[in-house]
Amino acid sequence: MIAEAVLAIEMGAVARDVLESIHPHPTLSETVMESAELADGAVTHIGKPRKK
C-alpha cells in the first residue's frame, strides 16, 4: 500500500490518476483508490447522512 502512494508521489500523480488505475478487489490497496475517489468527489462507498 505504501509503495503505491510513494509511486504516485514520485510520478507527480493527482487523485484522478490514482483513481483511474486498476485496484484489485478485495485488497487493502482499494483504500488508496477510495481516498482518491473522495478527493475527486466521486466517492461511492460513503453513506450520506439521512435527512431529519
PDB file of N, CA and C in Angstrom:
ATOM      1  N   MET A   1       0.825  -1.176   0.000  1.00  0.00           N
ATOM      2  CA  MET A   1       0.000   0.000   0.000  1.00  0.00           C
ATOM      3  C   MET A   1       0.876   1.248   0.000  1.00  0.00           C
ATOM      4  N   ILE A   2       1.929   1.238   0.775  1.00  0.00           N
ATOM      5  CA  ILE A   2       2.827   2.382   0.827  1.00  0.00           C
ATOM      6  C   ILE A   2       3.519   2.560  -0.515  1.00  0.00           C
ATOM      7  N   ALA A   3       3.870   1.460  -1.158  1.00  0.00           N
ATOM      8  CA  ALA A   3       4.561   1.534  -2.445  1.00  0.00           C
ATOM      9  C   ALA A   3       3.716   2.265  -3.478  1.00  0.00           C
ATOM     10  N   GLU A   4       2.419   2.043  -3.478  1.00  0.00           N
ATOM     11  CA  GLU A   4       1.549   2.721  -4.438  1.00  0.00           C
ATOM     12  C   GLU A   4       1.518   4.226  -4.178  1.00  0.00           C
ATOM     13  N   ALA A   5       1.450   4.614  -2.926  1.00  0.00           N
ATOM     14  CA  ALA A   5       1.442   6.039  -2.582  1.00  0.00           C
ATOM     15  C   ALA A   5       2.771   6.696  -2.933  1.00  0.00           C
ATOM     16  N   VAL A   6       3.871   6.013  -2.659  1.00  0.00           N
ATOM     17  CA  VAL A   6       5.196   6.551  -2.985  1.00  0.00           C
ATOM     18  C   VAL A   6       5.341   6.707  -4.493  1.00  0.00           C
ATOM     19  N   LEU A   7       4.907   5.720  -5.252  1.00  0.00           N
ATOM     20  CA  LEU A   7       4.975   5.796  -6.707  1.00  0.00           C
ATOM     21  C   LEU A   7       4.156   6.979  -7.229  1.00  0.00           C
ATOM     22  N   ALA A   8       2.964   7.166  -6.693  1.00  0.00           N
ATOM     23  CA  ALA A   8       2.112   8.283  -7.118  1.00  0.00           C
ATOM     24  C   ALA A   8       2.784   9.626  -6.833  1.00  0.00           C
ATOM     25  N   ILE A   9       3.414   9.741  -5.683  1.00  0.00           N
ATOM     26  CA  ILE A   9       4.113  10.982  -5.338  1.00  0.00           C
ATOM     27  C   ILE A   9       5.293  11.207  -6.271  1.00  0.00           C
ATOM     28  N   GLU A  10       6.072  10.162  -6.500  1.00  0.00           N
ATOM     29  CA  GLU A  10       7.257  10.284  -7.343  1.00  0.00           C
ATOM     30  C   GLU A  10       6.920  10.652  -8.788  1.00  0.00           C
ATOM     31  N   MET A  11       5.792  10.147  -9.289  1.00  0.00           N
ATOM     32  CA  MET A  11       5.437  10.452 -10.675  1.00  0.00           C
ATOM     33  C   MET A  11       4.588  11.711 -10.795  1.00  0.00           C
ATOM     34  N   GLY A  12       4.286  12.350  -9.662  1.00  0.00           N
ATOM     35  CA  GLY A  12       3.506  13.586  -9.681  1.00  0.00           C
ATOM     36  C   GLY A  12       2.047  13.360 -10.013  1.00  0.00           C
ATOM     37  N   ALA A  13       1.523  12.205  -9.626  1.00  0.00           N
ATOM     38  CA  ALA A  13       0.133  11.870  -9.934  1.00  0.00           C
ATOM     39  C   ALA A  13      -0.824  12.732  -9.116  1.00  0.00           C
ATOM     40  N   VAL A  14      -1.959  13.006  -9.701  1.00  0.00           N
ATOM     41  CA  VAL A  14      -3.047  13.669  -8.989  1.00  0.00           C
ATOM     42  C   VAL A  14      -4.086  12.600  -8.644  1.00  0.00           C
ATOM     43  N   ALA A  15      -5.075  12.964  -7.848  1.00  0.00           N
ATOM     44  CA  ALA A  15      -6.080  11.998  -7.399  1.00  0.00           C
ATOM     45  C   ALA A  15      -6.736  11.282  -8.574  1.00  0.00           C
ATOM     46  N   ARG A  16      -7.001  11.996  -9.644  1.00  0.00           N
ATOM     47  CA  ARG A  16      -7.661  11.390 -10.807  1.00  0.00           C
ATOM     48  C   ARG A  16      -6.800  10.290 -11.427  1.00  0.00           C
ATOM     49  N   ASP A  17      -5.474  10.486 -11.442  1.00  0.00           N
ATOM     50  CA  ASP A  17      -4.563   9.465 -11.975  1.00  0.00           C
ATOM     51  C   ASP A  17      -4.646   8.181 -11.151  1.00  0.00           C
ATOM     52  N   VAL A  18      -4.659   8.328  -9.850  1.00  0.00           N
ATOM     53  CA  VAL A  18      -4.750   7.162  -8.961  1.00  0.00           C
ATOM     54  C   VAL A  18      -6.109   6.498  -9.113  1.00  0.00           C
ATOM     55  N   LEU A  19      -7.136   7.306  -9.209  1.00  0.00           N
ATOM     56  CA  LEU A  19      -8.500   6.807  -9.343  1.00  0.00           C
ATOM     57  C   LEU A  19      -8.671   5.964 -10.600  1.00  0.00           C
ATOM     58  N   GLU A  20      -8.038   6.346 -11.684  1.00  0.00           N
ATOM     59  CA  GLU A  20      -8.201   5.656 -12.958  1.00  0.00           C
ATOM     60  C   GLU A  20      -7.304   4.426 -13.117  1.00  0.00           C
ATOM     61  N   SER A  21      -6.427   4.176 -12.166  1.00  0.00           N
ATOM     62  CA  SER A  21      -5.614   2.962 -12.238  1.00  0.00           C
ATOM     63  C   SER A  21      -6.402   1.777 -11.689  1.00  0.00           C
ATOM     64  N   ILE A  22      -5.960   0.577 -12.015  1.00  0.00           N
ATOM     65  CA  ILE A  22      -6.676  -0.632 -11.614  1.00  0.00           C
ATOM     66  C   ILE A  22      -6.296  -1.023 -10.192  1.00  0.00           C
ATOM     67  N   HIS A  23      -7.302  -1.277  -9.369  1.00  0.00           N
ATOM     68  CA  HIS A  23      -7.111  -1.728  -7.989  1.00  0.00           C
ATOM     69  C   HIS A  23      -7.902  -3.015  -7.807  1.00  0.00           C
ATOM     70  N   PRO A  24      -7.214  -4.140  -7.592  1.00  0.00           N
ATOM     71  CA  PRO A  24      -7.924  -5.414  -7.451  1.00  0.00           C
ATOM     72  C   PRO A  24      -8.812  -5.438  -6.210  1.00  0.00           C
ATOM     73  N   HIS A  25      -9.890  -6.204  -6.313  1.00  0.00           N
ATOM     74  CA  HIS A  25     -10.846  -6.325  -5.201  1.00  0.00           C
ATOM     75  C   HIS A  25     -10.892  -7.777  -4.767  1.00  0.00           C
ATOM     76  N   PRO A  26     -10.881  -8.098  -3.548  1.00  0.00           N
ATOM     77  CA  PRO A  26     -10.737  -7.273  -2.351  1.00  0.00           C
ATOM     78  C   PRO A  26      -9.271  -7.211  -1.915  1.00  0.00           C
ATOM     79  N   THR A  27      -8.741  -6.038  -1.788  1.00  0.00           N
ATOM     80  CA  THR A  27      -7.380  -5.838  -1.293  1.00  0.00           C
ATOM     81  C   THR A  27      -7.321  -4.544  -0.486  1.00  0.00           C
ATOM     82  N   LEU A  28      -6.274  -4.410   0.286  1.00  0.00           N
ATOM     83  CA  LEU A  28      -6.093  -3.173   1.041  1.00  0.00           C
ATOM     84  C   LEU A  28      -5.744  -2.005   0.126  1.00  0.00           C
ATOM     85  N   SER A  29      -5.197  -2.287  -1.060  1.00  0.00           N
ATOM     86  CA  SER A  29      -4.862  -1.189  -1.965  1.00  0.00           C
ATOM     87  C   SER A  29      -6.111  -0.439  -2.431  1.00  0.00           C
ATOM     88  N   GLU A  30      -7.268  -1.046  -2.263  1.00  0.00           N
ATOM     89  CA  GLU A  30      -8.516  -0.352  -2.606  1.00  0.00           C
ATOM     90  C   GLU A  30      -8.727   0.881  -1.738  1.00  0.00           C
ATOM     91  N   THR A  31      -8.136   0.909  -0.566  1.00  0.00           N
ATOM     92  CA  THR A  31      -8.288   2.093   0.286  1.00  0.00           C
ATOM     93  C   THR A  31      -7.621   3.307  -0.344  1.00  0.00           C
ATOM     94  N   VAL A  32      -6.558   3.090  -1.110  1.00  0.00           N
ATOM     95  CA  VAL A  32      -5.908   4.189  -1.832  1.00  0.00           C
ATOM     96  C   VAL A  32      -6.869   4.707  -2.897  1.00  0.00           C
ATOM     97  N   MET A  33      -7.524   3.800  -3.613  1.00  0.00           N
ATOM     98  CA  MET A  33      -8.493   4.196  -4.626  1.00  0.00           C
ATOM     99  C   MET A  33      -9.673   4.935  -3.988  1.00  0.00           C
ATOM    100  N   GLU A  34     -10.165   4.431  -2.863  1.00  0.00           N
ATOM    101  CA  GLU A  34     -11.284   5.081  -2.178  1.00  0.00           C
ATOM    102  C   GLU A  34     -10.910   6.498  -1.745  1.00  0.00           C
ATOM    103  N   SER A  35      -9.682   6.676  -1.286  1.00  0.00           N
ATOM    104  CA  SER A  35      -9.213   8.008  -0.895  1.00  0.00           C
ATOM    105  C   SER A  35      -9.141   8.933  -2.104  1.00  0.00           C
ATOM    106  N   ALA A  36      -8.688   8.403  -3.231  1.00  0.00           N
ATOM    107  CA  ALA A  36      -8.637   9.195  -4.460  1.00  0.00           C
ATOM    108  C   ALA A  36     -10.040   9.573  -4.913  1.00  0.00           C
ATOM    109  N   GLU A  37     -10.988   8.650  -4.776  1.00  0.00           N
ATOM    110  CA  GLU A  37     -12.378   8.960  -5.115  1.00  0.00           C
ATOM    111  C   GLU A  37     -12.913  10.074  -4.234  1.00  0.00           C
ATOM    112  N   LEU A  38     -12.618  10.001  -2.965  1.00  0.00           N
ATOM    113  CA  LEU A  38     -13.078  11.032  -2.030  1.00  0.00           C
ATOM    114  C   LEU A  38     -12.499  12.393  -2.401  1.00  0.00           C
ATOM    115  N   ALA A  39     -11.217  12.437  -2.725  1.00  0.00           N
ATOM    116  CA  ALA A  39     -10.568  13.696  -3.105  1.00  0.00           C
ATOM    117  C   ALA A  39     -11.122  14.230  -4.423  1.00  0.00           C
ATOM    118  N   ASP A  40     -11.531  13.334  -5.323  1.00  0.00           N
ATOM    119  CA  ASP A  40     -12.040  13.727  -6.628  1.00  0.00           C
ATOM    120  C   ASP A  40     -13.528  14.065  -6.593  1.00  0.00           C
ATOM    121  N   GLY A  41     -14.193  13.726  -5.493  1.00  0.00           N
ATOM    122  CA  GLY A  41     -15.628  13.992  -5.386  1.00  0.00           C
ATOM    123  C   GLY A  41     -16.487  12.924  -6.022  1.00  0.00           C
ATOM    124  N   ALA A  42     -15.899  11.771  -6.311  1.00  0.00           N
ATOM    125  CA  ALA A  42     -16.637  10.700  -6.972  1.00  0.00           C
ATOM    126  C   ALA A  42     -16.772   9.478  -6.070  1.00  0.00           C
ATOM    127  N   VAL A  43     -16.818   9.680  -4.781  1.00  0.00           N
ATOM    128  CA  VAL A  43     -16.840   8.570  -3.835  1.00  0.00           C
ATOM    129  C   VAL A  43     -18.175   7.818  -3.909  1.00  0.00           C
ATOM    130  N   THR A  44     -18.096   6.493  -3.850  1.00  0.00           N
ATOM    131  CA  THR A  44     -19.308   5.674  -3.946  1.00  0.00           C
ATOM    132  C   THR A  44     -19.610   4.881  -2.680  1.00  0.00           C
ATOM    133  N   HIS A  45     -18.638   4.691  -1.815  1.00  0.00           N
ATOM    134  CA  HIS A  45     -18.834   3.822  -0.668  1.00  0.00           C
ATOM    135  C   HIS A  45     -18.951   4.551   0.670  1.00  0.00           C
ATOM    136  N   ILE A  46     -19.295   5.803   0.659  1.00  0.00           N
ATOM    137  CA  ILE A  46     -19.533   6.536   1.906  1.00  0.00           C
ATOM    138  C   ILE A  46     -20.994   6.958   1.908  1.00  0.00           C
ATOM    139  N   GLY A  47     -21.691   6.572   2.957  1.00  0.00           N
ATOM    140  CA  GLY A  47     -23.103   6.888   3.050  1.00  0.00           C
ATOM    141  C   GLY A  47     -23.331   8.355   3.337  1.00  0.00           C
ATOM    142  N   LYS A  48     -24.437   8.859   2.815  1.00  0.00           N
ATOM    143  CA  LYS A  48     -24.832  10.238   3.070  1.00  0.00           C
ATOM    144  C   LYS A  48     -25.713  10.265   4.317  1.00  0.00           C
ATOM    145  N   PRO A  49     -25.565  11.304   5.145  1.00  0.00           N
ATOM    146  CA  PRO A  49     -26.418  11.390   6.339  1.00  0.00           C
ATOM    147  C   PRO A  49     -27.889  11.480   5.945  1.00  0.00           C
ATOM    148  N   ARG A  50     -28.721  10.863   6.752  1.00  0.00           N
ATOM    149  CA  ARG A  50     -30.163  10.922   6.489  1.00  0.00           C
ATOM    150  C   ARG A  50     -30.714  12.280   6.893  1.00  0.00           C
ATOM    151  N   LYS A  51     -31.678  12.732   6.129  1.00  0.00           N
ATOM    152  CA  LYS A  51     -32.327  13.995   6.470  1.00  0.00           C
ATOM    153  C   LYS A  51     -33.329  13.744   7.589  1.00  0.00           C
ATOM    154  N   LYS A  52     -33.428  14.679   8.491  1.00  0.00           N
ATOM    155  CA  LYS A  52     -34.365  14.536   9.621  1.00  0.00           C
ATOM    156  C   LYS A  52     -35.704  15.135   9.301  1.00  0.00           C
TER     157      LYS A  52
END
